């Protein structure tokens, strides 16, 4: 149900509550009850004589009721709704004192949020919207700074590449990088090293992200997917991708230095 539909149901029910219609119960034959339009539930078994409860616009077969009039309900507030079968929804609601307690709890939560945001309760939504805009701006700024940092690190890493039978081999860790930064830096290094097989890694706690890249003129000898899997298996992970670019993840960062150190020998066996 949409928010508007939930509000519509609440409005209909509360209108019946405020009308304060008196409950009327009649005992009659099942056939007469059916002819009167009383609601019956599928799957229920009824005897020859049934109790028909009329209250407001509702008329149904009911064994008992806890209110003498709809006004006794006080307030009806939907708190949840879900699907139970095709075309059937279950609506969960609170009434009376429970409805009041529920609304007071919500009010308390809104007041706490407003206090944290240093705004009036009515301004909470607007304040959150402003904070979200600020967060998006900061995320863009962080992404730009990561790109600049990666570029700077990439320039330094070029000098660490080792020539292995005509192919530049580089295996290194990029501090503070994410998957996007690894890919961007990989492209920069491939352009600078020309003929190369490269492995870049980033560490976040115990987790490892790995990118492997191979320049086009080296694909006949080295495949990025095979290279990245070779490294990833040593740090408790696996991965794959295209022959010129592949990604992997791992779960044991302590073994990363050894894994990166083994790249040179792995490439040498193939070239």
Protein backbone atom coordinates (compact mmCIF):
# COMPACT_ATOMS: atom_id res chain seq x y z
CA UNK A 1 0.00 0.00 0.00
CA UNK A 2 1.18 3.48 -0.78
CA UNK A 3 1.40 6.17 1.89
CA UNK A 4 -1.68 7.82 0.38
CA UNK A 5 -3.66 4.56 0.51
CA UNK A 6 -2.74 4.02 4.15
CA UNK A 7 -3.90 7.55 4.98
CA UNK A 8 -7.14 6.93 3.10
CA UNK A 9 -7.87 3.76 5.08
CA UNK A 10 -7.11 5.55 8.35
CA UNK A 11 -9.44 8.39 7.38
CA UNK A 12 -12.29 6.00 6.54
CA UNK A 13 -11.95 4.03 9.76
CA UNK A 14 -11.58 7.08 11.99
CA UNK A 15 -14.64 8.66 10.38
CA UNK A 16 -16.61 5.59 11.51
CA UNK A 17 -15.06 5.88 14.97
CA UNK A 18 -16.02 9.56 15.31
CA UNK A 19 -19.58 8.81 14.17
CA UNK A 20 -19.91 6.82 17.42
CA UNK A 21 -22.40 4.38 15.93
CA UNK A 22 -23.97 2.01 18.44
CA UNK A 23 -23.26 -1.70 18.13
CA UNK A 24 -26.29 -3.91 17.53
CA UNK A 25 -26.21 -7.70 17.74
CA UNK A 26 -28.88 -10.09 16.48
CA UNK A 27 -29.06 -13.86 16.59
CA UNK A 28 -30.66 -15.33 13.47
CA UNK A 29 -30.62 -18.28 11.11
CA UNK A 30 -27.54 -18.58 8.89
CA UNK A 31 -29.64 -18.24 5.71
CA UNK A 32 -31.25 -15.04 7.01
CA UNK A 33 -27.83 -13.65 7.93
CA UNK A 34 -26.55 -14.30 4.43
CA UNK A 35 -29.59 -12.62 2.89
CA UNK A 36 -29.07 -9.56 5.14
CA UNK A 37 -25.63 -9.03 3.59
CA UNK A 38 -23.57 -9.95 6.64
CA UNK A 39 -19.93 -10.62 5.90
CA UNK A 40 -18.75 -14.23 6.26
CA UNK A 41 -15.16 -15.39 6.33
CA UNK A 42 -14.01 -18.15 3.99
CA UNK A 43 -12.83 -21.23 5.84
CA UNK A 44 -14.92 -20.52 8.94
CA UNK A 45 -17.53 -23.05 9.99
CA UNK A 46 -20.89 -21.66 11.09
CA UNK A 47 -23.81 -23.37 12.79
CA UNK A 48 -27.45 -23.09 11.81
CA UNK A 49 -27.84 -20.09 14.13
CA UNK A 50 -25.34 -17.19 14.04
CA UNK A 51 -24.74 -13.84 15.74
CA UNK A 52 -24.83 -10.85 13.38
CA UNK A 53 -23.09 -7.70 14.54
CA UNK A 54 -24.00 -4.37 12.95
CA UNK A 55 -21.84 -1.37 13.82
CA UNK A 56 -21.60 1.67 11.56
CA UNK A 57 -21.25 0.53 7.96
CA UNK A 58 -20.07 -2.93 9.01
CA UNK A 59 -22.26 -6.02 9.28
CA UNK A 60 -20.62 -9.38 9.89
CA UNK A 61 -20.92 -12.67 11.70
CA UNK A 62 -19.14 -12.20 15.01
CA UNK A 63 -19.01 -14.18 18.24
CA UNK A 64 -18.43 -11.12 20.40
CA UNK A 65 -17.35 -7.46 20.55
CA UNK A 66 -15.45 -5.35 23.07
CA UNK A 67 -17.11 -2.00 22.31
CA UNK A 68 -20.69 -0.81 22.62
CA UNK A 69 -20.11 2.00 20.10
CA UNK A 70 -17.39 2.86 17.57
CA UNK A 71 -16.39 5.89 19.63
CA UNK A 72 -15.06 3.51 22.32
CA UNK A 73 -12.20 2.67 19.93
CA UNK A 74 -10.76 6.19 20.42
CA UNK A 75 -8.28 6.33 17.55
CA UNK A 76 -7.19 3.98 14.76
CA UNK A 77 -3.57 4.19 13.53
CA UNK A 78 -1.97 1.80 11.03
CA UNK A 79 1.54 0.79 12.08
CA UNK A 80 2.37 -1.87 9.45
CA UNK A 81 1.04 -3.57 6.35
CA UNK A 82 2.32 -6.53 4.37
CA UNK A 83 1.36 -9.09 1.76
CA UNK A 84 0.10 -12.48 2.97
CA UNK A 85 -1.11 -13.93 -0.36
CA UNK A 86 -1.82 -12.89 -3.92
CA UNK A 87 -4.09 -9.84 -3.79
CA UNK A 88 -4.36 -9.95 0.02
CA UNK A 89 -2.76 -7.45 2.42
CA UNK A 90 -2.48 -7.69 6.20
CA UNK A 91 -2.96 -4.38 8.00
CA UNK A 92 -1.68 -4.02 11.57
CA UNK A 93 -3.00 -1.14 13.64
CA UNK A 94 -3.25 0.18 17.19
CA UNK A 95 -6.25 1.79 18.87
CA UNK A 96 -7.18 3.67 22.01
CA UNK A 97 -4.41 4.06 24.61
CA UNK A 98 -2.02 2.04 22.46
CA UNK A 99 -2.51 4.47 19.57
CA UNK A 100 -1.80 7.41 21.86
CA UNK A 101 1.37 5.73 23.21
CA UNK A 102 2.50 4.99 19.64
CA UNK A 103 2.04 8.60 18.53
CA UNK A 104 3.77 9.92 21.65
CA UNK A 105 6.72 7.62 20.94
CA UNK A 106 6.94 8.95 17.38
CA UNK A 107 6.74 12.51 18.66
CA UNK A 108 9.58 11.81 21.10
CA UNK A 109 11.71 10.39 18.30
CA UNK A 110 11.05 13.42 16.08
CA UNK A 111 11.93 15.76 18.95
CA UNK A 112 15.20 13.89 19.57
CA UNK A 113 16.08 14.14 15.88
CA UNK A 114 15.17 17.82 15.82
CA UNK A 115 17.39 18.46 18.85
CA UNK A 116 20.30 16.64 17.20
CA UNK A 117 19.81 18.70 14.04
CA UNK A 118 19.32 21.91 16.03
CA UNK A 119 16.05 22.57 14.24
CA UNK A 120 12.35 22.82 15.07
CA UNK A 121 10.41 19.53 14.64
CA UNK A 122 8.54 21.00 11.67
CA UNK A 123 11.87 21.79 9.98
CA UNK A 124 13.40 18.30 10.34
CA UNK A 125 12.67 17.16 6.77
CA UNK A 126 14.08 20.37 5.28
CA UNK A 127 17.17 20.16 7.51
CA UNK A 128 17.82 16.55 6.52
CA UNK A 129 17.48 17.52 2.85
CA UNK A 130 20.12 20.23 3.31
CA UNK A 131 22.46 17.78 5.04
CA UNK A 132 22.02 15.27 2.23
CA UNK A 133 23.00 17.93 -0.31
CA UNK A 134 26.08 18.76 1.75
CA UNK A 135 26.97 15.08 1.97
CA UNK A 136 26.71 14.64 -1.80
CA UNK A 137 28.97 17.67 -2.30
CA UNK A 138 31.50 16.29 0.17
CA UNK A 139 31.41 12.86 -1.51
CA UNK A 140 32.25 14.51 -4.83
CA UNK A 141 35.08 16.39 -3.16
CA UNK A 142 36.43 13.19 -1.58
CA UNK A 143 36.26 11.41 -4.94
CA UNK A 144 38.21 14.24 -6.58
CA UNK A 145 40.83 14.18 -3.81
CA UNK A 146 41.17 10.41 -4.11
CA UNK A 147 41.76 10.84 -7.82
CA UNK A 148 44.48 13.42 -7.20
CA UNK A 149 46.09 11.22 -4.53
CA UNK A 150 45.99 8.21 -6.82
CA UNK A 151 47.55 10.22 -9.64
CA UNK A 152 50.35 11.35 -7.35
CA UNK A 153 50.96 7.82 -6.11
CA UNK A 154 50.87 6.58 -9.69
CA UNK A 155 53.67 8.93 -10.66
CA UNK A 156 55.79 7.58 -7.80
CA UNK A 157 55.00 3.94 -8.65
CA UNK A 158 56.25 4.25 -12.22
CA UNK A 159 59.81 4.21 -10.90
CA UNK A 160 59.14 0.97 -9.02
CA UNK A 161 58.35 -1.03 -12.17
CA UNK A 162 60.87 -3.79 -12.98
CA UNK A 163 61.70 -4.97 -16.49
CA UNK A 164 61.06 -8.70 -16.95
CA UNK A 165 62.07 -9.85 -20.43
CA UNK A 166 60.79 -6.67 -22.04
CA UNK A 167 57.63 -6.28 -19.93
CA UNK A 168 57.43 -3.76 -17.10
CA UNK A 169 56.13 -5.50 -13.98
CA UNK A 170 54.67 -3.50 -11.13
CA UNK A 171 52.92 -4.79 -7.98
CA UNK A 172 52.11 -2.30 -5.26
CA UNK A 173 49.63 -1.11 -2.65
CA UNK A 174 47.70 2.16 -3.03
CA UNK A 175 46.98 3.75 0.34
CA UNK A 176 43.37 4.82 0.92
CA UNK A 177 42.19 3.69 -2.51
CA UNK A 178 38.86 2.13 -3.45
CA UNK A 179 37.93 0.01 -6.47
CA UNK A 180 37.31 3.05 -8.70
CA UNK A 181 40.63 4.59 -7.72
CA UNK A 182 42.45 1.33 -8.46
CA UNK A 183 40.97 1.24 -11.95
CA UNK A 184 41.75 4.90 -12.65
CA UNK A 185 45.34 4.57 -11.46
CA UNK A 186 45.72 1.35 -13.45
CA UNK A 187 44.79 3.16 -16.67
CA UNK A 188 47.27 5.93 -15.92
CA UNK A 189 50.09 3.46 -15.23
CA UNK A 190 49.39 1.44 -18.37
CA UNK A 191 49.65 4.60 -20.44
CA UNK A 192 52.93 5.56 -18.80
CA UNK A 193 54.60 2.13 -18.76
CA UNK A 194 53.44 1.24 -22.32
CA UNK A 195 54.31 -2.47 -22.17
CA UNK A 196 53.37 -3.78 -18.74
CA UNK A 197 51.69 -6.19 -16.35
CA UNK A 198 50.46 -4.38 -13.24
CA UNK A 199 48.87 -5.38 -9.94
CA UNK A 200 47.49 -2.72 -7.58
CA UNK A 201 45.93 -3.44 -4.20
CA UNK A 202 44.07 -1.51 -1.51
CA UNK A 203 43.57 -2.59 2.10
CA UNK A 204 40.57 -1.88 4.33
CA UNK A 205 41.00 -3.64 7.66
CA UNK A 206 41.49 -7.32 6.85
CA UNK A 207 39.89 -7.01 3.42
CA UNK A 208 41.82 -6.54 0.22
CA UNK A 209 40.80 -5.19 -3.18
CA UNK A 210 43.01 -6.09 -6.11
CA UNK A 211 43.21 -4.83 -9.69
CA UNK A 212 45.34 -6.41 -12.39
CA UNK A 213 46.03 -4.80 -15.76
CA UNK A 214 47.93 -5.88 -18.86
CA UNK A 215 48.75 -3.61 -21.82
CA UNK A 216 47.44 -4.66 -25.24
CA UNK A 217 50.86 -5.63 -26.62
CA UNK A 218 51.38 -8.14 -23.77
CA UNK A 219 48.06 -10.01 -23.88
CA UNK A 220 49.56 -12.84 -25.90
CA UNK A 221 51.71 -13.78 -22.92
CA UNK A 222 49.88 -12.55 -19.81
CA UNK A 223 46.17 -12.37 -18.99
CA UNK A 224 44.88 -10.02 -16.31
CA UNK A 225 42.22 -12.50 -15.12
CA UNK A 226 44.81 -15.20 -14.48
CA UNK A 227 47.15 -12.74 -12.79
CA UNK A 228 44.51 -11.31 -10.46
CA UNK A 229 43.37 -14.79 -9.43
CA UNK A 230 46.96 -15.81 -8.72
CA UNK A 231 47.31 -12.92 -6.29
CA UNK A 232 43.79 -13.18 -4.85
CA UNK A 233 44.12 -16.86 -3.97
CA UNK A 234 47.06 -16.00 -1.73
CA UNK A 235 44.95 -13.55 0.28
CA UNK A 236 41.87 -15.75 0.62
CA UNK A 237 39.89 -14.52 -2.36
CA UNK A 238 39.13 -14.81 -6.03
CA UNK A 239 38.11 -12.64 -8.96
CA UNK A 240 38.13 -12.20 -12.70
CA UNK A 241 37.54 -9.91 -15.63
CA UNK A 242 38.76 -9.10 -19.11
CA UNK A 243 42.21 -10.12 -20.40
CA UNK A 244 43.44 -6.54 -20.08
CA UNK A 245 41.69 -5.62 -16.81
CA UNK A 246 40.47 -7.75 -13.88
CA UNK A 247 39.36 -7.23 -10.28
CA UNK A 248 39.41 -9.45 -7.20
CA UNK A 249 38.87 -9.36 -3.48
CA UNK A 250 40.52 -11.04 -0.53
CA UNK A 251 40.00 -11.51 3.20
CA UNK A 252 43.55 -11.80 4.58
CA UNK A 253 45.52 -8.56 4.25
CA UNK A 254 48.43 -9.96 6.25
CA UNK A 255 49.47 -12.08 3.26
CA UNK A 256 49.29 -9.24 0.73
CA UNK A 257 52.99 -8.21 0.80
CA UNK A 258 54.06 -11.78 0.05
CA UNK A 259 51.43 -12.10 -2.68
CA UNK A 260 52.57 -8.89 -4.40
CA UNK A 261 56.20 -9.97 -4.16
CA UNK A 262 55.38 -13.16 -6.06
CA UNK A 263 54.01 -11.34 -9.12
CA UNK A 264 57.40 -10.79 -10.73
CA UNK A 265 58.24 -14.52 -10.77
CA UNK A 266 54.76 -15.41 -12.03
CA UNK A 267 55.13 -13.06 -15.00
CA UNK A 268 58.69 -14.25 -15.67
CA UNK A 269 57.43 -17.83 -16.11
CA UNK A 270 55.18 -16.67 -18.95
CA UNK A 271 57.44 -14.32 -20.85
